[in-house]
């Protein structure tokens, strides 16, 4: 049975009302190939939408529908990334945080505070920052950031798939599927693979 709007649990727009809190999240942290993406979103305190939730709980069509709504109704939003080379140089955690900082840098509205999905972050200037485990299922601004990061990264992986068709990135988006690892074993890594990751299950050394 489908929930009615009355039964639907709608995420609050933010943790700290006041109109200036930015929610941040990343996408692609566990992938073998491609950049890690992050987004920062400031929503009006009044923003509500019954579909909005953790991007991993939504199908692709709904994520893209929500992306349009978020971009139209957010007070400010921005997307940024870190390259595979940066990931290999500073590690995936630091690259994910750097991508979130870059997204915050690009916001047209200066945030008053920042909340982040997960349990690790680094100070962003002097702004108050707070982390929330599973925050993308608790606050709409983080959920919105997860949707933007995911959809923009998916777009990039589909673009890269046209350049490297043997790896099926249009399907696996760079994640470590059996087919992806089989393609790496057959064709070798591309310039978009993260060389510090275990690209093959039996891999003992870096390529």
N, C-alpha and C. Protein backbone atom coordinates (compact mmCIF):
# COMPACT_ATOMS: atom_id res chain seq x y z
N UNK A 1 0.84 -1.19 0.00
CA UNK A 1 0.00 0.00 0.00
C UNK A 1 0.88 1.25 0.00
N UNK A 2 0.51 2.19 -0.81
CA UNK A 2 1.29 3.41 -0.91
C UNK A 2 0.91 4.38 0.21
N UNK A 3 1.96 4.98 0.81
CA UNK A 3 1.70 5.94 1.87
C UNK A 3 1.01 7.18 1.33
N UNK A 4 0.07 7.70 2.09
CA UNK A 4 -0.52 8.98 1.75
C UNK A 4 0.41 10.09 2.21
N UNK A 5 0.18 11.30 1.71
CA UNK A 5 1.00 12.43 2.14
C UNK A 5 0.91 12.62 3.64
N UNK A 6 -0.22 12.29 4.23
CA UNK A 6 -0.38 12.46 5.67
C UNK A 6 0.51 11.50 6.45
N UNK A 7 0.75 10.32 5.89
CA UNK A 7 1.59 9.32 6.54
C UNK A 7 3.07 9.49 6.20
N UNK A 8 3.40 10.23 5.16
CA UNK A 8 4.76 10.38 4.70
C UNK A 8 5.60 11.16 5.73
N UNK A 9 6.77 10.61 6.04
CA UNK A 9 7.70 11.31 6.92
C UNK A 9 8.58 12.20 6.04
N UNK A 10 8.41 13.50 6.16
CA UNK A 10 9.18 14.44 5.36
C UNK A 10 10.38 14.90 6.15
N UNK A 11 11.53 14.91 5.52
CA UNK A 11 12.75 15.33 6.22
C UNK A 11 12.71 16.82 6.51
N UNK A 12 13.17 17.23 7.70
CA UNK A 12 13.32 18.66 7.96
C UNK A 12 14.36 19.25 7.02
N UNK A 13 14.19 20.51 6.66
CA UNK A 13 15.09 21.13 5.69
C UNK A 13 16.53 21.13 6.16
N UNK A 14 16.74 21.28 7.48
CA UNK A 14 18.10 21.41 7.99
C UNK A 14 18.12 21.06 9.47
N UNK A 15 19.30 21.08 10.06
CA UNK A 15 19.43 20.84 11.50
C UNK A 15 19.20 22.11 12.29
N UNK A 16 19.77 23.22 11.82
CA UNK A 16 19.69 24.49 12.52
C UNK A 16 18.95 25.50 11.65
N UNK A 17 17.67 25.75 11.90
CA UNK A 17 16.93 26.70 11.07
C UNK A 17 17.53 28.10 11.11
N UNK A 18 17.28 28.83 10.07
CA UNK A 18 17.80 30.18 9.99
C UNK A 18 18.15 30.57 8.57
N UNK A 19 18.06 29.59 7.66
CA UNK A 19 18.19 29.90 6.24
C UNK A 19 19.58 29.85 5.66
N UNK A 20 20.61 29.55 6.47
CA UNK A 20 21.95 29.60 5.92
C UNK A 20 22.78 28.35 6.07
N UNK A 21 22.19 27.28 6.60
CA UNK A 21 22.95 26.05 6.82
C UNK A 21 23.13 25.27 5.52
N UNK A 22 24.35 24.87 5.21
CA UNK A 22 24.64 24.06 4.03
C UNK A 22 24.75 22.60 4.42
N UNK A 23 24.10 21.73 3.67
CA UNK A 23 24.27 20.30 3.82
C UNK A 23 25.24 19.79 2.77
N UNK A 24 26.12 18.86 3.15
CA UNK A 24 27.13 18.34 2.23
C UNK A 24 27.11 16.81 2.21
N UNK A 25 27.39 16.27 1.05
CA UNK A 25 27.56 14.83 0.91
C UNK A 25 28.41 14.56 -0.31
N UNK A 26 28.90 13.31 -0.39
CA UNK A 26 29.75 12.93 -1.52
C UNK A 26 29.17 11.70 -2.22
N UNK A 27 29.72 11.40 -3.39
CA UNK A 27 29.33 10.21 -4.14
C UNK A 27 30.56 9.65 -4.84
N UNK A 28 30.66 8.33 -4.85
CA UNK A 28 31.75 7.67 -5.56
C UNK A 28 32.94 7.32 -4.71
N UNK A 29 32.77 7.34 -3.42
CA UNK A 29 33.91 7.07 -2.54
C UNK A 29 34.43 5.64 -2.70
N UNK A 30 33.54 4.68 -2.90
CA UNK A 30 33.95 3.28 -2.98
C UNK A 30 34.24 2.78 -4.38
N UNK A 31 34.33 3.65 -5.35
CA UNK A 31 34.55 3.25 -6.73
C UNK A 31 36.02 2.93 -7.02
N UNK A 32 36.24 2.15 -8.05
CA UNK A 32 37.59 1.86 -8.51
C UNK A 32 38.07 2.87 -9.54
N UNK A 33 37.15 3.56 -10.16
CA UNK A 33 37.50 4.49 -11.24
C UNK A 33 36.64 5.74 -11.15
N UNK A 34 37.19 6.81 -11.72
CA UNK A 34 36.46 8.06 -11.80
C UNK A 34 36.70 8.95 -10.60
N UNK A 35 36.28 10.20 -10.72
CA UNK A 35 36.44 11.16 -9.63
C UNK A 35 35.46 10.89 -8.50
N UNK A 36 35.73 11.47 -7.35
CA UNK A 36 34.75 11.53 -6.27
C UNK A 36 34.08 12.89 -6.38
N UNK A 37 32.76 12.90 -6.28
CA UNK A 37 31.99 14.13 -6.39
C UNK A 37 31.41 14.50 -5.03
N UNK A 38 31.18 15.79 -4.84
CA UNK A 38 30.52 16.26 -3.63
C UNK A 38 29.62 17.43 -3.99
N UNK A 39 28.63 17.65 -3.15
CA UNK A 39 27.72 18.78 -3.35
C UNK A 39 27.45 19.46 -2.02
N UNK A 40 27.11 20.74 -2.12
CA UNK A 40 26.69 21.52 -0.96
C UNK A 40 25.38 22.20 -1.33
N UNK A 41 24.40 22.14 -0.43
CA UNK A 41 23.07 22.69 -0.73
C UNK A 41 22.56 23.47 0.47
N UNK A 42 22.07 24.68 0.21
CA UNK A 42 21.35 25.47 1.21
C UNK A 42 19.89 25.52 0.78
N UNK A 43 19.01 25.04 1.64
CA UNK A 43 17.58 25.03 1.34
C UNK A 43 16.84 26.06 2.20
N UNK A 44 15.77 26.61 1.69
CA UNK A 44 14.92 27.43 2.56
C UNK A 44 14.40 26.59 3.71
N UNK A 45 14.21 27.21 4.87
CA UNK A 45 13.70 26.46 6.03
C UNK A 45 12.36 25.80 5.75
N UNK A 46 11.59 26.39 4.84
CA UNK A 46 10.25 25.88 4.55
C UNK A 46 10.26 24.74 3.54
N UNK A 47 11.42 24.38 2.99
CA UNK A 47 11.47 23.37 1.93
C UNK A 47 11.04 22.00 2.46
N UNK A 48 10.11 21.38 1.76
CA UNK A 48 9.68 20.02 2.04
C UNK A 48 9.39 19.33 0.72
N UNK A 49 9.73 18.05 0.65
CA UNK A 49 9.31 17.26 -0.52
C UNK A 49 9.20 15.80 -0.10
N UNK A 50 8.09 15.15 -0.43
CA UNK A 50 7.85 13.79 0.06
C UNK A 50 8.82 12.75 -0.50
N UNK A 51 9.46 13.01 -1.66
CA UNK A 51 10.37 12.03 -2.23
C UNK A 51 11.77 12.12 -1.65
N UNK A 52 12.10 13.28 -1.11
CA UNK A 52 13.50 13.55 -0.79
C UNK A 52 14.00 12.64 0.33
N UNK A 53 15.11 11.93 0.02
CA UNK A 53 15.70 11.00 0.97
C UNK A 53 17.11 10.69 0.48
N UNK A 54 17.80 9.85 1.22
CA UNK A 54 19.11 9.35 0.81
C UNK A 54 19.06 8.90 -0.64
N UNK A 55 20.00 9.38 -1.46
CA UNK A 55 19.96 9.09 -2.90
C UNK A 55 20.03 7.59 -3.18
N UNK A 56 20.65 6.81 -2.28
CA UNK A 56 20.78 5.37 -2.51
C UNK A 56 19.44 4.66 -2.38
N UNK A 57 18.44 5.31 -1.79
CA UNK A 57 17.12 4.71 -1.64
C UNK A 57 16.17 5.07 -2.78
N UNK A 58 16.68 5.82 -3.77
CA UNK A 58 15.85 6.29 -4.88
C UNK A 58 16.32 5.68 -6.19
N UNK A 59 15.39 5.47 -7.11
CA UNK A 59 15.83 5.01 -8.43
C UNK A 59 16.34 6.20 -9.24
N UNK A 60 16.98 5.91 -10.35
CA UNK A 60 17.64 6.96 -11.14
C UNK A 60 16.64 8.01 -11.62
N UNK A 61 15.48 7.59 -12.08
CA UNK A 61 14.50 8.54 -12.59
C UNK A 61 14.10 9.54 -11.52
N UNK A 62 13.85 9.05 -10.32
CA UNK A 62 13.44 9.94 -9.23
C UNK A 62 14.59 10.86 -8.81
N UNK A 63 15.81 10.35 -8.82
CA UNK A 63 16.95 11.21 -8.48
C UNK A 63 17.04 12.39 -9.45
N UNK A 64 16.87 12.12 -10.73
CA UNK A 64 16.99 13.21 -11.71
C UNK A 64 15.80 14.17 -11.64
N UNK A 65 14.64 13.66 -11.32
CA UNK A 65 13.50 14.54 -11.12
C UNK A 65 13.74 15.46 -9.92
N UNK A 66 14.28 14.88 -8.85
CA UNK A 66 14.57 15.67 -7.66
C UNK A 66 15.70 16.67 -7.91
N UNK A 67 16.67 16.29 -8.74
CA UNK A 67 17.75 17.23 -9.05
C UNK A 67 17.20 18.52 -9.63
N UNK A 68 16.27 18.39 -10.54
CA UNK A 68 15.66 19.58 -11.14
C UNK A 68 14.96 20.42 -10.08
N UNK A 69 14.22 19.76 -9.19
CA UNK A 69 13.49 20.48 -8.14
C UNK A 69 14.47 21.18 -7.19
N UNK A 70 15.51 20.47 -6.80
CA UNK A 70 16.52 21.05 -5.89
C UNK A 70 17.17 22.27 -6.53
N UNK A 71 17.57 22.14 -7.77
CA UNK A 71 18.25 23.26 -8.43
C UNK A 71 17.33 24.46 -8.61
N UNK A 72 16.04 24.19 -8.76
CA UNK A 72 15.08 25.29 -8.91
C UNK A 72 14.76 25.96 -7.58
N UNK A 73 14.70 25.19 -6.50
CA UNK A 73 14.16 25.71 -5.25
C UNK A 73 15.19 25.97 -4.16
N UNK A 74 16.40 25.48 -4.32
CA UNK A 74 17.44 25.73 -3.30
C UNK A 74 17.81 27.20 -3.26
N UNK A 75 18.19 27.65 -2.08
CA UNK A 75 18.73 29.01 -1.95
C UNK A 75 20.09 29.11 -2.63
N UNK A 76 20.84 28.02 -2.59
CA UNK A 76 22.12 27.93 -3.28
C UNK A 76 22.53 26.47 -3.35
N UNK A 77 23.24 26.10 -4.42
CA UNK A 77 23.76 24.75 -4.54
C UNK A 77 25.02 24.77 -5.39
N UNK A 78 25.87 23.80 -5.18
CA UNK A 78 27.11 23.70 -5.96
C UNK A 78 27.61 22.26 -5.92
N UNK A 79 28.32 21.89 -6.99
CA UNK A 79 28.89 20.55 -7.12
C UNK A 79 30.37 20.69 -7.47
N UNK A 80 31.19 19.82 -6.89
CA UNK A 80 32.63 19.85 -7.17
C UNK A 80 33.16 18.42 -7.11
N UNK A 81 34.43 18.24 -7.46
CA UNK A 81 35.00 16.89 -7.51
C UNK A 81 36.49 16.92 -7.23
N UNK A 82 37.03 15.72 -7.01
CA UNK A 82 38.47 15.50 -6.95
C UNK A 82 38.81 14.39 -7.93
N UNK A 83 39.90 14.53 -8.63
CA UNK A 83 40.29 13.58 -9.66
C UNK A 83 40.86 12.30 -9.07
N UNK A 84 40.93 11.23 -9.89
CA UNK A 84 41.60 10.01 -9.41
C UNK A 84 43.05 10.27 -8.98
N UNK A 85 43.75 11.17 -9.67
CA UNK A 85 45.12 11.49 -9.28
C UNK A 85 45.17 12.10 -7.88
N UNK A 86 44.23 12.98 -7.60
CA UNK A 86 44.17 13.58 -6.26
C UNK A 86 43.81 12.54 -5.21
N UNK A 87 42.90 11.64 -5.56
CA UNK A 87 42.52 10.56 -4.64
C UNK A 87 43.74 9.71 -4.30
N UNK A 88 44.52 9.35 -5.32
CA UNK A 88 45.71 8.53 -5.09
C UNK A 88 46.76 9.28 -4.26
N UNK A 89 46.82 10.59 -4.43
CA UNK A 89 47.85 11.37 -3.73
C UNK A 89 47.50 11.62 -2.27
N UNK A 90 46.22 11.92 -1.97
CA UNK A 90 45.88 12.35 -0.60
C UNK A 90 44.94 11.37 0.11
N UNK A 91 44.53 10.33 -0.53
CA UNK A 91 43.62 9.25 -0.09
C UNK A 91 42.16 9.67 -0.24
N UNK A 92 41.29 8.68 -0.27
CA UNK A 92 39.90 8.92 -0.63
C UNK A 92 39.15 9.73 0.43
N UNK A 93 39.47 9.54 1.71
CA UNK A 93 38.80 10.34 2.73
C UNK A 93 39.13 11.82 2.57
N UNK A 94 40.40 12.12 2.46
CA UNK A 94 40.80 13.52 2.30
C UNK A 94 40.28 14.12 1.00
N UNK A 95 40.25 13.30 -0.06
CA UNK A 95 39.73 13.80 -1.33
C UNK A 95 38.23 14.07 -1.25
N UNK A 96 37.49 13.23 -0.53
CA UNK A 96 36.06 13.45 -0.35
C UNK A 96 35.80 14.76 0.40
N UNK A 97 36.58 14.99 1.45
CA UNK A 97 36.43 16.22 2.22
C UNK A 97 36.83 17.43 1.39
N UNK A 98 37.93 17.30 0.62
CA UNK A 98 38.36 18.39 -0.24
C UNK A 98 37.28 18.73 -1.28
N UNK A 99 36.65 17.70 -1.85
CA UNK A 99 35.58 17.96 -2.82
C UNK A 99 34.42 18.70 -2.15
N UNK A 100 34.09 18.36 -0.90
CA UNK A 100 33.03 19.07 -0.19
C UNK A 100 33.43 20.53 0.07
N UNK A 101 34.68 20.76 0.45
CA UNK A 101 35.16 22.13 0.63
C UNK A 101 35.08 22.91 -0.68
N UNK A 102 35.43 22.27 -1.79
CA UNK A 102 35.34 22.94 -3.09
C UNK A 102 33.89 23.29 -3.43
N UNK A 103 32.97 22.38 -3.11
CA UNK A 103 31.56 22.69 -3.36
C UNK A 103 31.11 23.87 -2.51
N UNK A 104 31.52 23.89 -1.25
CA UNK A 104 31.18 25.03 -0.38
C UNK A 104 31.77 26.33 -0.93
N UNK A 105 32.99 26.25 -1.46
CA UNK A 105 33.62 27.44 -2.04
C UNK A 105 32.80 28.02 -3.19
N UNK A 106 32.10 27.14 -3.91
CA UNK A 106 31.38 27.57 -5.11
C UNK A 106 29.97 28.08 -4.83
N UNK A 107 29.49 27.95 -3.61
CA UNK A 107 28.13 28.41 -3.31
C UNK A 107 28.00 29.91 -3.56
N UNK A 108 26.90 30.29 -4.17
CA UNK A 108 26.65 31.71 -4.43
C UNK A 108 26.26 32.46 -3.16
N UNK A 109 25.81 31.71 -2.15
CA UNK A 109 25.44 32.28 -0.85
C UNK A 109 26.40 31.73 0.19
N UNK A 110 26.98 32.60 0.98
CA UNK A 110 27.89 32.16 2.02
C UNK A 110 27.11 31.47 3.13
N UNK A 111 27.42 30.19 3.44
CA UNK A 111 26.67 29.50 4.49
C UNK A 111 27.01 30.03 5.87
N UNK A 112 26.09 29.85 6.79
CA UNK A 112 26.31 30.23 8.18
C UNK A 112 26.83 29.07 9.01
N UNK A 113 26.60 27.84 8.54
CA UNK A 113 27.08 26.62 9.20
C UNK A 113 27.02 25.49 8.19
N UNK A 114 27.62 24.36 8.55
CA UNK A 114 27.71 23.22 7.64
C UNK A 114 27.37 21.95 8.40
N UNK A 115 26.55 21.10 7.78
CA UNK A 115 26.34 19.75 8.30
C UNK A 115 26.70 18.76 7.20
N UNK A 116 27.25 17.62 7.60
CA UNK A 116 27.87 16.69 6.67
C UNK A 116 27.41 15.27 6.97
N UNK A 117 27.15 14.50 5.92
CA UNK A 117 26.83 13.08 6.10
C UNK A 117 28.09 12.33 6.51
N UNK A 118 27.97 11.44 7.51
CA UNK A 118 29.11 10.64 7.93
C UNK A 118 29.61 11.05 9.30
N UNK A 119 30.87 10.69 9.56
CA UNK A 119 31.43 11.01 10.88
C UNK A 119 32.82 11.66 10.80
N UNK A 120 33.22 12.05 9.59
CA UNK A 120 34.53 12.66 9.44
C UNK A 120 34.42 13.91 8.56
N UNK A 121 35.05 14.98 9.02
CA UNK A 121 35.09 16.23 8.25
C UNK A 121 36.25 17.05 8.79
N UNK A 122 36.64 18.05 8.06
CA UNK A 122 37.68 18.98 8.50
C UNK A 122 37.07 20.37 8.55
N UNK A 123 37.54 21.22 9.46
CA UNK A 123 36.97 22.56 9.58
C UNK A 123 36.97 23.29 8.24
N UNK A 124 35.88 24.00 8.00
CA UNK A 124 35.77 24.83 6.80
C UNK A 124 35.81 26.28 7.27
N UNK A 125 36.99 26.87 7.21
CA UNK A 125 37.15 28.22 7.72
C UNK A 125 36.78 28.25 9.19
N UNK A 126 36.01 29.25 9.55
CA UNK A 126 35.57 29.39 10.94
C UNK A 126 34.11 29.01 11.14
N UNK A 127 33.50 28.42 10.11
CA UNK A 127 32.08 28.09 10.21
C UNK A 127 31.85 26.92 11.16
N UNK A 128 30.77 26.96 11.93
CA UNK A 128 30.41 25.79 12.73
C UNK A 128 30.10 24.60 11.80
N UNK A 129 30.66 23.45 12.12
CA UNK A 129 30.45 22.24 11.31
C UNK A 129 30.05 21.09 12.22
N UNK A 130 29.18 20.24 11.71
CA UNK A 130 28.73 19.09 12.49
C UNK A 130 28.49 17.92 11.54
N UNK A 131 28.87 16.72 11.97
CA UNK A 131 28.65 15.52 11.17
C UNK A 131 27.47 14.72 11.73
N UNK A 132 26.79 14.00 10.83
CA UNK A 132 25.67 13.15 11.21
C UNK A 132 25.78 11.83 10.47
N UNK A 133 25.93 10.74 11.20
CA UNK A 133 25.90 9.42 10.56
C UNK A 133 24.51 9.21 9.97
N UNK A 134 24.47 8.78 8.72
CA UNK A 134 23.22 8.62 7.96
C UNK A 134 22.44 9.93 7.90
N UNK A 135 23.18 11.02 7.83
CA UNK A 135 22.54 12.33 7.76
C UNK A 135 21.72 12.54 6.51
N UNK A 136 22.05 11.79 5.43
CA UNK A 136 21.28 11.93 4.19
C UNK A 136 19.88 11.36 4.32
N UNK A 137 19.59 10.64 5.38
CA UNK A 137 18.24 10.18 5.66
C UNK A 137 17.59 10.93 6.81
N UNK A 138 18.26 12.02 7.26
CA UNK A 138 17.74 12.77 8.41
C UNK A 138 17.43 14.23 8.07
N UNK A 139 18.19 14.81 7.16
CA UNK A 139 18.02 16.23 6.85
C UNK A 139 17.96 16.42 5.33
N UNK A 140 17.04 17.27 4.91
CA UNK A 140 16.80 17.45 3.48
C UNK A 140 17.99 18.08 2.78
N UNK A 141 18.70 18.99 3.44
CA UNK A 141 19.83 19.63 2.75
C UNK A 141 20.95 18.63 2.47
N UNK A 142 21.18 17.69 3.39
CA UNK A 142 22.18 16.64 3.11
C UNK A 142 21.66 15.69 2.05
N UNK A 143 20.38 15.30 2.14
CA UNK A 143 19.80 14.42 1.12
C UNK A 143 19.88 15.05 -0.26
N UNK A 144 19.60 16.35 -0.32
CA UNK A 144 19.69 17.06 -1.61
C UNK A 144 21.11 17.04 -2.13
N UNK A 145 22.08 17.24 -1.24
CA UNK A 145 23.48 17.19 -1.66
C UNK A 145 23.85 15.80 -2.16
N UNK A 146 23.34 14.76 -1.51
CA UNK A 146 23.63 13.40 -1.97
C UNK A 146 23.08 13.15 -3.36
N UNK A 147 21.91 13.70 -3.66
CA UNK A 147 21.30 13.52 -4.98
C UNK A 147 22.09 14.27 -6.05
N UNK A 148 22.48 15.49 -5.76
CA UNK A 148 23.27 16.24 -6.75
C UNK A 148 24.62 15.58 -6.98
N UNK A 149 25.30 15.19 -5.92
CA UNK A 149 26.61 14.55 -6.08
C UNK A 149 26.48 13.26 -6.90
N UNK A 150 25.48 12.46 -6.58
CA UNK A 150 25.28 11.18 -7.27
C UNK A 150 24.95 11.38 -8.75
N UNK A 151 24.01 12.26 -9.06
CA UNK A 151 23.59 12.41 -10.45
C UNK A 151 24.67 13.07 -11.31
N UNK A 152 25.37 14.04 -10.76
CA UNK A 152 26.43 14.66 -11.55
C UNK A 152 27.60 13.69 -11.76
N UNK A 153 27.88 12.87 -10.77
CA UNK A 153 28.93 11.88 -10.97
C UNK A 153 28.50 10.82 -11.98
N UNK A 154 27.25 10.38 -11.91
CA UNK A 154 26.75 9.42 -12.89
C UNK A 154 26.87 9.98 -14.30
N UNK A 155 26.54 11.24 -14.47
CA UNK A 155 26.68 11.88 -15.79
C UNK A 155 28.12 11.81 -16.28
N UNK A 156 29.06 12.09 -15.38
CA UNK A 156 30.48 12.06 -15.76
C UNK A 156 30.93 10.65 -16.10
N UNK A 157 30.48 9.65 -15.35
CA UNK A 157 30.89 8.28 -15.65
C UNK A 157 30.30 7.80 -16.97
N UNK A 158 29.10 8.25 -17.31
CA UNK A 158 28.54 7.89 -18.61
C UNK A 158 29.33 8.56 -19.73
N UNK A 159 29.79 9.77 -19.51
CA UNK A 159 30.63 10.44 -20.51
C UNK A 159 31.95 9.70 -20.68
N UNK A 160 32.57 9.29 -19.56
CA UNK A 160 33.83 8.55 -19.64
C UNK A 160 33.63 7.17 -20.27
N UNK A 161 32.46 6.58 -20.06
CA UNK A 161 32.18 5.26 -20.65
C UNK A 161 32.25 5.29 -22.16
N UNK A 162 31.90 6.42 -22.76
CA UNK A 162 31.98 6.54 -24.22
C UNK A 162 33.43 6.53 -24.70
N UNK A 163 34.35 6.99 -23.84
CA UNK A 163 35.77 6.99 -24.19
C UNK A 163 36.41 5.63 -23.94
N UNK A 164 35.91 4.92 -22.94
CA UNK A 164 36.46 3.61 -22.56
C UNK A 164 35.31 2.61 -22.46
N UNK A 165 34.79 2.16 -23.60
CA UNK A 165 33.56 1.35 -23.61
C UNK A 165 33.70 -0.04 -22.99
N UNK A 166 34.90 -0.55 -22.87
CA UNK A 166 35.05 -1.92 -22.40
C UNK A 166 34.76 -2.14 -20.93
N UNK A 167 34.61 -1.07 -20.15
CA UNK A 167 34.50 -1.21 -18.69
C UNK A 167 33.06 -1.07 -18.18
N UNK A 168 32.12 -0.80 -19.06
CA UNK A 168 30.69 -0.70 -18.72
C UNK A 168 30.42 0.31 -17.61
N UNK A 169 31.13 1.42 -17.64
CA UNK A 169 30.92 2.45 -16.62
C UNK A 169 29.54 3.07 -16.70
N UNK A 170 28.90 2.98 -17.87
CA UNK A 170 27.54 3.50 -17.98
C UNK A 170 26.57 2.68 -17.12
N UNK A 171 26.99 1.46 -16.74
CA UNK A 171 26.17 0.59 -15.91
C UNK A 171 26.69 0.57 -14.47
N UNK A 172 27.99 0.29 -14.31
CA UNK A 172 28.52 0.13 -12.94
C UNK A 172 29.02 1.41 -12.31
N UNK A 173 29.13 2.48 -13.12
CA UNK A 173 29.54 3.81 -12.64
C UNK A 173 30.89 3.79 -11.92
N UNK A 174 31.72 2.78 -12.23
CA UNK A 174 33.05 2.70 -11.65
C UNK A 174 33.14 1.87 -10.39
N UNK A 175 32.01 1.34 -9.91
CA UNK A 175 32.03 0.54 -8.70
C UNK A 175 32.64 -0.85 -8.97
N UNK A 176 33.10 -1.55 -7.93
CA UNK A 176 33.84 -2.81 -8.12
C UNK A 176 32.95 -4.01 -8.37
N UNK A 177 32.27 -4.02 -9.50
CA UNK A 177 31.48 -5.20 -9.89
C UNK A 177 32.41 -6.27 -10.47
N UNK A 178 31.90 -7.47 -10.57
CA UNK A 178 32.68 -8.55 -11.17
C UNK A 178 33.04 -8.22 -12.62
N UNK A 179 32.09 -7.66 -13.35
CA UNK A 179 32.33 -7.32 -14.75
C UNK A 179 33.39 -6.22 -14.88
N UNK A 180 33.35 -5.26 -13.98
CA UNK A 180 34.34 -4.19 -14.01
C UNK A 180 35.74 -4.75 -13.75
N UNK A 181 35.85 -5.59 -12.74
CA UNK A 181 37.16 -6.17 -12.42
C UNK A 181 37.64 -7.10 -13.55
N UNK A 182 36.71 -7.81 -14.19
CA UNK A 182 37.09 -8.66 -15.31
C UNK A 182 37.63 -7.82 -16.46
N UNK A 183 37.04 -6.65 -16.69
CA UNK A 183 37.52 -5.75 -17.76
C UNK A 183 38.91 -5.22 -17.42
N UNK A 184 39.14 -4.89 -16.14
CA UNK A 184 40.48 -4.43 -15.75
C UNK A 184 41.50 -5.52 -15.99
N UNK A 185 41.14 -6.75 -15.65
CA UNK A 185 42.05 -7.87 -15.86
C UNK A 185 42.33 -8.09 -17.34
N UNK A 186 41.31 -7.89 -18.17
CA UNK A 186 41.47 -8.12 -19.61
C UNK A 186 42.20 -6.97 -20.31
N UNK A 187 41.83 -5.73 -19.98
CA UNK A 187 42.35 -4.58 -20.71
C UNK A 187 43.38 -3.75 -19.94
N UNK A 188 43.46 -4.00 -18.64
CA UNK A 188 44.34 -3.18 -17.81
C UNK A 188 43.63 -1.92 -17.35
N UNK A 189 44.24 -1.19 -16.43
CA UNK A 189 43.61 0.04 -15.92
C UNK A 189 43.69 1.18 -16.92
N UNK A 190 42.79 2.12 -16.78
CA UNK A 190 42.77 3.33 -17.60
C UNK A 190 43.36 4.50 -16.79
N UNK A 191 43.56 5.64 -17.42
CA UNK A 191 44.00 6.82 -16.65
C UNK A 191 42.98 7.28 -15.61
N UNK A 192 41.75 6.75 -15.67
CA UNK A 192 40.71 7.15 -14.73
C UNK A 192 40.58 6.19 -13.56
N UNK A 193 41.38 5.14 -13.54
CA UNK A 193 41.34 4.22 -12.40
C UNK A 193 42.17 4.77 -11.24
N UNK A 194 41.76 4.41 -10.04
CA UNK A 194 42.45 4.83 -8.82
C UNK A 194 43.50 3.77 -8.50
N UNK A 195 44.74 4.14 -8.74
CA UNK A 195 45.81 3.14 -8.68
C UNK A 195 46.15 2.70 -7.26
N UNK A 196 45.72 3.43 -6.26
CA UNK A 196 45.95 3.01 -4.87
C UNK A 196 44.85 2.10 -4.35
N UNK A 197 43.84 1.83 -5.17
CA UNK A 197 42.77 0.92 -4.78
C UNK A 197 43.11 -0.49 -5.26
N UNK A 198 42.50 -1.49 -4.64
CA UNK A 198 42.68 -2.86 -5.09
C UNK A 198 41.76 -3.06 -6.29
N UNK A 199 42.32 -2.97 -7.46
CA UNK A 199 41.52 -3.05 -8.68
C UNK A 199 41.09 -4.48 -9.00
N UNK A 200 41.89 -5.45 -8.59
CA UNK A 200 41.56 -6.86 -8.80
C UNK A 200 41.47 -7.56 -7.45
N UNK A 201 40.59 -8.54 -7.36
CA UNK A 201 40.44 -9.28 -6.11
C UNK A 201 41.74 -9.95 -5.68
N UNK A 202 42.52 -10.42 -6.66
CA UNK A 202 43.76 -11.15 -6.36
C UNK A 202 44.98 -10.26 -6.42
N UNK A 203 44.77 -8.98 -6.51
CA UNK A 203 45.89 -8.05 -6.68
C UNK A 203 46.75 -8.00 -5.42
N UNK A 204 48.07 -8.15 -5.61
CA UNK A 204 49.02 -8.10 -4.51
C UNK A 204 49.83 -6.82 -4.52
N UNK A 205 49.99 -6.24 -5.68
CA UNK A 205 50.77 -5.01 -5.81
C UNK A 205 50.00 -4.02 -6.65
N UNK A 206 50.43 -2.75 -6.63
CA UNK A 206 49.84 -1.75 -7.50
C UNK A 206 50.23 -2.04 -8.93
N UNK A 207 49.38 -1.62 -9.88
CA UNK A 207 49.73 -1.77 -11.29
C UNK A 207 50.93 -0.90 -11.60
